[in-house]
Amino acid sequence: MAKDIGIIFVFVFSISGICLYKWIAIYNKIKTMNLIKCKVTDVINRTTYQNNIYDFHYSYIVNSEEYGTSDRLMFYIL
């Protein structure tokens, strides 16, 4: 009985250690990110039966080059 509890404890402790390691890695990556300013260039409103869905298009400048993106590319489920 004690052997089974020991195996379960080691298994759960290993999973919690892996999750803590991943959380620290994500936290450090977010902490070192550089914020950029962007402008909303276009807003598309899609009206459905239950709610409104807004699709934003952004433009931003990084290293003297202008880029554009939208929520459609980030959240393709919408």
C-alpha atoms as a PDB file:
ATOM      1  CA  MET A   1       0.000   0.000   0.000  1.00  0.00           C
ATOM      2  CA  ALA A   2       2.792   2.432   0.859  1.00  0.00           C
ATOM      3  CA  LYS A   3       4.530   1.599  -2.430  1.00  0.00           C
ATOM      4  CA  ASP A   4       1.440   2.627  -4.419  1.00  0.00           C
ATOM      5  CA  ILE A   5       1.122   5.899  -2.505  1.00  0.00           C
ATOM      6  CA  GLY A   6       4.814   6.589  -3.068  1.00  0.00           C
ATOM      7  CA  ILE A   7       4.486   6.028  -6.834  1.00  0.00           C
ATOM      8  CA  ILE A   8       1.437   8.309  -7.016  1.00  0.00           C
ATOM      9  CA  PHE A   9       3.249  10.978  -4.965  1.00  0.00           C
ATOM     10  CA  VAL A  10       6.312  10.874  -7.245  1.00  0.00           C
ATOM     11  CA  PHE A  11       4.086  11.028 -10.341  1.00  0.00           C
ATOM     12  CA  VAL A  12       2.063  14.019  -9.096  1.00  0.00           C
ATOM     13  CA  PHE A  13       5.199  15.785  -7.822  1.00  0.00           C
ATOM     14  CA  SER A  14       6.876  15.299 -11.230  1.00  0.00           C
ATOM     15  CA  ILE A  15       3.883  16.764 -13.074  1.00  0.00           C
ATOM     16  CA  SER A  16       3.768  19.748 -10.715  1.00  0.00           C
ATOM     17  CA  GLY A  17       7.517  20.313 -11.216  1.00  0.00           C
ATOM     18  CA  ILE A  18       7.119  20.297 -15.007  1.00  0.00           C
ATOM     19  CA  CYS A  19       4.190  22.740 -14.786  1.00  0.00           C
ATOM     20  CA  LEU A  20       6.189  25.061 -12.514  1.00  0.00           C
ATOM     21  CA  TYR A  21       9.139  24.971 -14.924  1.00  0.00           C
ATOM     22  CA  LYS A  22       6.880  25.813 -17.895  1.00  0.00           C
ATOM     23  CA  TRP A  23       5.214  28.643 -15.958  1.00  0.00           C
ATOM     24  CA  ILE A  24       8.604  30.157 -15.068  1.00  0.00           C
ATOM     25  CA  ALA A  25       9.709  29.907 -18.719  1.00  0.00           C
ATOM     26  CA  ILE A  26       6.543  31.642 -19.977  1.00  0.00           C
ATOM     27  CA  TYR A  27       6.803  34.306 -17.244  1.00  0.00           C
ATOM     28  CA  ASN A  28      10.405  35.106 -18.189  1.00  0.00           C
ATOM     29  CA  LYS A  29       9.516  35.289 -21.884  1.00  0.00           C
ATOM     30  CA  ILE A  30       6.658  37.726 -21.190  1.00  0.00           C
ATOM     31  CA  LYS A  31       8.883  39.805 -18.892  1.00  0.00           C
ATOM     32  CA  THR A  32      11.512  40.277 -21.619  1.00  0.00           C
ATOM     33  CA  MET A  33       9.043  41.173 -24.392  1.00  0.00           C
ATOM     34  CA  ASN A  34       9.235  44.647 -25.921  1.00  0.00           C
ATOM     35  CA  LEU A  35       5.949  46.497 -26.154  1.00  0.00           C
ATOM     36  CA  ILE A  36       5.132  48.181 -29.448  1.00  0.00           C
ATOM     37  CA  LYS A  37       2.477  50.745 -30.247  1.00  0.00           C
ATOM     38  CA  CYS A  38      -0.018  49.976 -32.958  1.00  0.00           C
ATOM     39  CA  LYS A  39      -2.931  51.760 -34.619  1.00  0.00           C
ATOM     40  CA  VAL A  40      -6.324  50.276 -35.360  1.00  0.00           C
ATOM     41  CA  THR A  41      -6.867  50.802 -39.072  1.00  0.00           C
ATOM     42  CA  ASP A  42     -10.191  49.039 -39.586  1.00  0.00           C
ATOM     43  CA  VAL A  43     -12.997  47.523 -37.523  1.00  0.00           C
ATOM     44  CA  ILE A  44     -15.417  45.003 -38.996  1.00  0.00           C
ATOM     45  CA  ASN A  45     -18.613  44.313 -37.059  1.00  0.00           C
ATOM     46  CA  ARG A  46     -20.343  40.987 -37.612  1.00  0.00           C
ATOM     47  CA  THR A  47     -23.780  40.801 -36.057  1.00  0.00           C
ATOM     48  CA  THR A  48     -24.992  37.364 -35.046  1.00  0.00           C
ATOM     49  CA  TYR A  49     -28.163  36.284 -33.321  1.00  0.00           C
ATOM     50  CA  GLN A  50     -26.629  36.298 -29.817  1.00  0.00           C
ATOM     51  CA  ASN A  51     -23.794  38.841 -29.900  1.00  0.00           C
ATOM     52  CA  ASN A  52     -21.621  41.129 -32.016  1.00  0.00           C
ATOM     53  CA  ILE A  53     -18.191  40.010 -33.208  1.00  0.00           C
ATOM     54  CA  TYR A  54     -15.602  42.723 -33.811  1.00  0.00           C
ATOM     55  CA  ASP A  55     -12.672  42.056 -36.138  1.00  0.00           C
ATOM     56  CA  PHE A  56      -9.854  44.586 -35.632  1.00  0.00           C
ATOM     57  CA  HIS A  57      -7.072  45.292 -38.142  1.00  0.00           C
ATOM     58  CA  TYR A  58      -3.828  46.753 -36.791  1.00  0.00           C
ATOM     59  CA  SER A  59      -0.752  48.390 -38.275  1.00  0.00           C
ATOM     60  CA  TYR A  60       2.539  48.757 -36.401  1.00  0.00           C
ATOM     61  CA  ILE A  61       6.121  49.793 -37.126  1.00  0.00           C
ATOM     62  CA  VAL A  62       9.145  47.682 -36.131  1.00  0.00           C
ATOM     63  CA  ASN A  63      12.693  48.576 -37.251  1.00  0.00           C
ATOM     64  CA  SER A  64      11.395  51.251 -39.650  1.00  0.00           C
ATOM     65  CA  GLU A  65       9.161  48.767 -41.488  1.00  0.00           C
ATOM     66  CA  GLU A  66       5.372  48.817 -41.339  1.00  0.00           C
ATOM     67  CA  TYR A  67       3.490  45.587 -40.703  1.00  0.00           C
ATOM     68  CA  GLY A  68      -0.189  44.768 -40.453  1.00  0.00           C
ATOM     69  CA  THR A  69      -2.185  42.063 -38.732  1.00  0.00           C
ATOM     70  CA  SER A  70      -5.734  41.358 -37.686  1.00  0.00           C
ATOM     71  CA  ASP A  71      -7.656  39.379 -35.097  1.00  0.00           C
ATOM     72  CA  ARG A  72      -8.746  37.046 -37.856  1.00  0.00           C
ATOM     73  CA  LEU A  73      -5.165  35.795 -38.159  1.00  0.00           C
ATOM     74  CA  MET A  74      -4.750  35.403 -34.402  1.00  0.00           C
ATOM     75  CA  PHE A  75      -8.199  33.969 -33.629  1.00  0.00           C
ATOM     76  CA  TYR A  76      -9.175  32.045 -36.735  1.00  0.00           C
ATOM     77  CA  ILE A  77     -12.120  30.398 -34.964  1.00  0.00           C
ATOM     78  CA  LEU A  78     -14.026  33.708 -35.166  1.00  0.00           C
END
